[in-house]
Amino acid sequence: MRVPGSHEVPWAAHALAKRRGRDVVIGLGVLIAGDTNHHEMVGDSVSHALQHVAITTGVPVINGVIVANTRAQAVARTAGKIDRGAEFAAAALEMAALKRKVSR
């Protein structure tokens, strides 16, 4: 589900987590620093909100929202040597398996 910005990711994650049959949800986004620290505030808010979604719905939520100082840093973390996408996917699979195990 695509949303207009990172601040909207928790709403989408919650909507998906409420649907039956979801083992895990991954929230993805990129926040790049500007002239103020707004990106840090949004990143912190999104992180807390995604944890709230996980706790209230019982569906693990992987926080894949990257906070970077520059576009180059964001690219390096998403398409470069540091493959955060693969890390998020691996974490999602691990948490989905754990959810199924504890749900038995």
C-alpha atoms as a PDB file:
ATOM      1  CA  MET A   1       0.000   0.000   0.000  1.00  0.00           C
ATOM      2  CA  ARG A   2       1.527   3.319  -1.038  1.00  0.00           C
ATOM      3  CA  VAL A   3       1.068   6.420   1.115  1.00  0.00           C
ATOM      4  CA  PRO A   4       2.134  10.033   0.465  1.00  0.00           C
ATOM      5  CA  GLY A   5       4.775  10.200   3.193  1.00  0.00           C
ATOM      6  CA  SER A   6       6.509   8.445   6.049  1.00  0.00           C
ATOM      7  CA  HIS A   7       4.169   9.955   8.635  1.00  0.00           C
ATOM      8  CA  GLU A   8       1.301   8.057   7.000  1.00  0.00           C
ATOM      9  CA  VAL A   9       3.071   4.674   7.150  1.00  0.00           C
ATOM     10  CA  PRO A  10       1.699   3.763  10.625  1.00  0.00           C
ATOM     11  CA  TRP A  11      -1.898   4.279   9.470  1.00  0.00           C
ATOM     12  CA  ALA A  12      -1.319   1.977   6.497  1.00  0.00           C
ATOM     13  CA  ALA A  13       0.462  -0.563   8.690  1.00  0.00           C
ATOM     14  CA  HIS A  14      -2.477  -0.534  11.102  1.00  0.00           C
ATOM     15  CA  ALA A  15      -5.011  -0.959   8.296  1.00  0.00           C
ATOM     16  CA  LEU A  16      -3.057  -3.950   6.953  1.00  0.00           C
ATOM     17  CA  ALA A  17      -2.427  -5.484  10.375  1.00  0.00           C
ATOM     18  CA  LYS A  18      -6.162  -5.467  11.160  1.00  0.00           C
ATOM     19  CA  ARG A  19      -6.901  -7.674   8.151  1.00  0.00           C
ATOM     20  CA  ARG A  20      -7.206 -11.366   8.907  1.00  0.00           C
ATOM     21  CA  GLY A  21      -4.348 -13.647   8.030  1.00  0.00           C
ATOM     22  CA  ARG A  22      -1.497 -11.156   8.331  1.00  0.00           C
ATOM     23  CA  ASP A  23       1.612 -12.638   9.916  1.00  0.00           C
ATOM     24  CA  VAL A  24       3.714  -9.487   9.668  1.00  0.00           C
ATOM     25  CA  VAL A  25       3.700  -5.991   8.154  1.00  0.00           C
ATOM     26  CA  ILE A  26       6.716  -4.048   6.897  1.00  0.00           C
ATOM     27  CA  GLY A  27       6.536  -0.255   6.869  1.00  0.00           C
ATOM     28  CA  LEU A  28       8.955   1.311   4.386  1.00  0.00           C
ATOM     29  CA  GLY A  29       9.952   4.925   3.913  1.00  0.00           C
ATOM     30  CA  VAL A  30      12.851   7.330   3.679  1.00  0.00           C
ATOM     31  CA  LEU A  31      13.296  10.571   5.584  1.00  0.00           C
ATOM     32  CA  ILE A  32      16.094  12.864   4.418  1.00  0.00           C
ATOM     33  CA  ALA A  33      17.352  15.759   6.524  1.00  0.00           C
ATOM     34  CA  GLY A  34      16.559  19.284   5.493  1.00  0.00           C
ATOM     35  CA  ASP A  35      17.375  22.612   7.086  1.00  0.00           C
ATOM     36  CA  THR A  36      15.599  21.688  10.334  1.00  0.00           C
ATOM     37  CA  ASN A  37      15.364  18.572  12.491  1.00  0.00           C
ATOM     38  CA  HIS A  38      11.830  17.802  11.260  1.00  0.00           C
ATOM     39  CA  HIS A  39      13.024  14.488   9.787  1.00  0.00           C
ATOM     40  CA  GLU A  40      14.146  13.362  13.250  1.00  0.00           C
ATOM     41  CA  MET A  41      10.784  14.254  14.793  1.00  0.00           C
ATOM     42  CA  VAL A  42       8.885  12.388  12.071  1.00  0.00           C
ATOM     43  CA  GLY A  43      11.217   9.395  12.318  1.00  0.00           C
ATOM     44  CA  ASP A  44      10.754   9.193  16.087  1.00  0.00           C
ATOM     45  CA  SER A  45       6.982   9.579  15.782  1.00  0.00           C
ATOM     46  CA  VAL A  46       6.735   6.899  13.085  1.00  0.00           C
ATOM     47  CA  SER A  47       8.889   4.505  15.095  1.00  0.00           C
ATOM     48  CA  HIS A  48       6.690   4.837  18.183  1.00  0.00           C
ATOM     49  CA  ALA A  49       3.500   4.572  16.132  1.00  0.00           C
ATOM     50  CA  LEU A  50       4.651   1.395  14.362  1.00  0.00           C
ATOM     51  CA  GLN A  51       5.458  -0.204  17.722  1.00  0.00           C
ATOM     52  CA  HIS A  52       1.990   0.806  18.923  1.00  0.00           C
ATOM     53  CA  VAL A  53       0.436  -0.878  15.875  1.00  0.00           C
ATOM     54  CA  ALA A  54       2.356  -4.079  16.605  1.00  0.00           C
ATOM     55  CA  ILE A  55       1.391  -4.133  20.282  1.00  0.00           C
ATOM     56  CA  THR A  56      -2.280  -3.266  19.789  1.00  0.00           C
ATOM     57  CA  THR A  57      -2.931  -5.585  16.833  1.00  0.00           C
ATOM     58  CA  GLY A  58      -0.687  -8.491  17.829  1.00  0.00           C
ATOM     59  CA  VAL A  59       0.891  -8.434  14.362  1.00  0.00           C
ATOM     60  CA  PRO A  60       4.648  -7.801  14.235  1.00  0.00           C
ATOM     61  CA  VAL A  61       5.535  -4.611  12.392  1.00  0.00           C
ATOM     62  CA  ILE A  62       9.001  -4.136  10.924  1.00  0.00           C
ATOM     63  CA  ASN A  63      10.129  -0.514  10.944  1.00  0.00           C
ATOM     64  CA  GLY A  64      11.731  -0.025   7.557  1.00  0.00           C
ATOM     65  CA  VAL A  65      11.669   3.764   7.641  1.00  0.00           C
ATOM     66  CA  ILE A  66      15.208   4.999   7.063  1.00  0.00           C
ATOM     67  CA  VAL A  67      16.300   8.357   8.451  1.00  0.00           C
ATOM     68  CA  ALA A  68      19.302   9.760   6.573  1.00  0.00           C
ATOM     69  CA  ASN A  69      21.270  12.977   6.549  1.00  0.00           C
ATOM     70  CA  THR A  70      21.646  13.068   2.753  1.00  0.00           C
ATOM     71  CA  ARG A  71      20.146  11.516  -0.354  1.00  0.00           C
ATOM     72  CA  ALA A  72      23.457   9.739  -0.989  1.00  0.00           C
ATOM     73  CA  GLN A  73      23.308   8.208   2.482  1.00  0.00           C
ATOM     74  CA  ALA A  74      19.720   7.055   1.869  1.00  0.00           C
ATOM     75  CA  VAL A  75      20.692   5.483  -1.464  1.00  0.00           C
ATOM     76  CA  ALA A  76      23.655   3.739   0.174  1.00  0.00           C
ATOM     77  CA  ARG A  77      21.318   2.194   2.761  1.00  0.00           C
ATOM     78  CA  THR A  78      18.684   1.097   0.282  1.00  0.00           C
ATOM     79  CA  ALA A  79      20.456   0.290  -2.973  1.00  0.00           C
ATOM     80  CA  GLY A  80      24.118   0.193  -2.064  1.00  0.00           C
ATOM     81  CA  LYS A  81      26.394  -2.004   0.030  1.00  0.00           C
ATOM     82  CA  ILE A  82      24.121  -1.702   3.062  1.00  0.00           C
ATOM     83  CA  ASP A  83      20.993  -3.585   1.979  1.00  0.00           C
ATOM     84  CA  ARG A  84      18.456  -2.598   4.606  1.00  0.00           C
ATOM     85  CA  GLY A  85      15.637  -3.971   2.441  1.00  0.00           C
ATOM     86  CA  ALA A  86      17.033  -7.495   2.733  1.00  0.00           C
ATOM     87  CA  GLU A  87      17.459  -6.983   6.473  1.00  0.00           C
ATOM     88  CA  PHE A  88      13.843  -5.846   6.824  1.00  0.00           C
ATOM     89  CA  ALA A  89      12.624  -8.852   4.813  1.00  0.00           C
ATOM     90  CA  ALA A  90      14.697 -11.276   6.902  1.00  0.00           C
ATOM     91  CA  ALA A  91      13.383  -9.735  10.111  1.00  0.00           C
ATOM     92  CA  ALA A  92       9.821 -10.003   8.794  1.00  0.00           C
ATOM     93  CA  LEU A  93      10.218 -13.696   8.013  1.00  0.00           C
ATOM     94  CA  GLU A  94      11.718 -14.353  11.434  1.00  0.00           C
ATOM     95  CA  MET A  95       8.933 -12.475  13.232  1.00  0.00           C
ATOM     96  CA  ALA A  96       6.210 -14.157  11.151  1.00  0.00           C
ATOM     97  CA  ALA A  97       7.628 -17.560  12.125  1.00  0.00           C
ATOM     98  CA  LEU A  98       7.807 -16.500  15.764  1.00  0.00           C
ATOM     99  CA  LYS A  99       4.217 -15.226  15.681  1.00  0.00           C
ATOM    100  CA  ARG A 100       3.011 -18.550  14.293  1.00  0.00           C
ATOM    101  CA  LYS A 101       5.021 -20.439  16.909  1.00  0.00           C
ATOM    102  CA  VAL A 102       3.641 -18.498  19.888  1.00  0.00           C
ATOM    103  CA  SER A 103       0.094 -18.553  18.438  1.00  0.00           C
ATOM    104  CA  ARG A 104      -0.121 -22.355  18.570  1.00  0.00           C
END
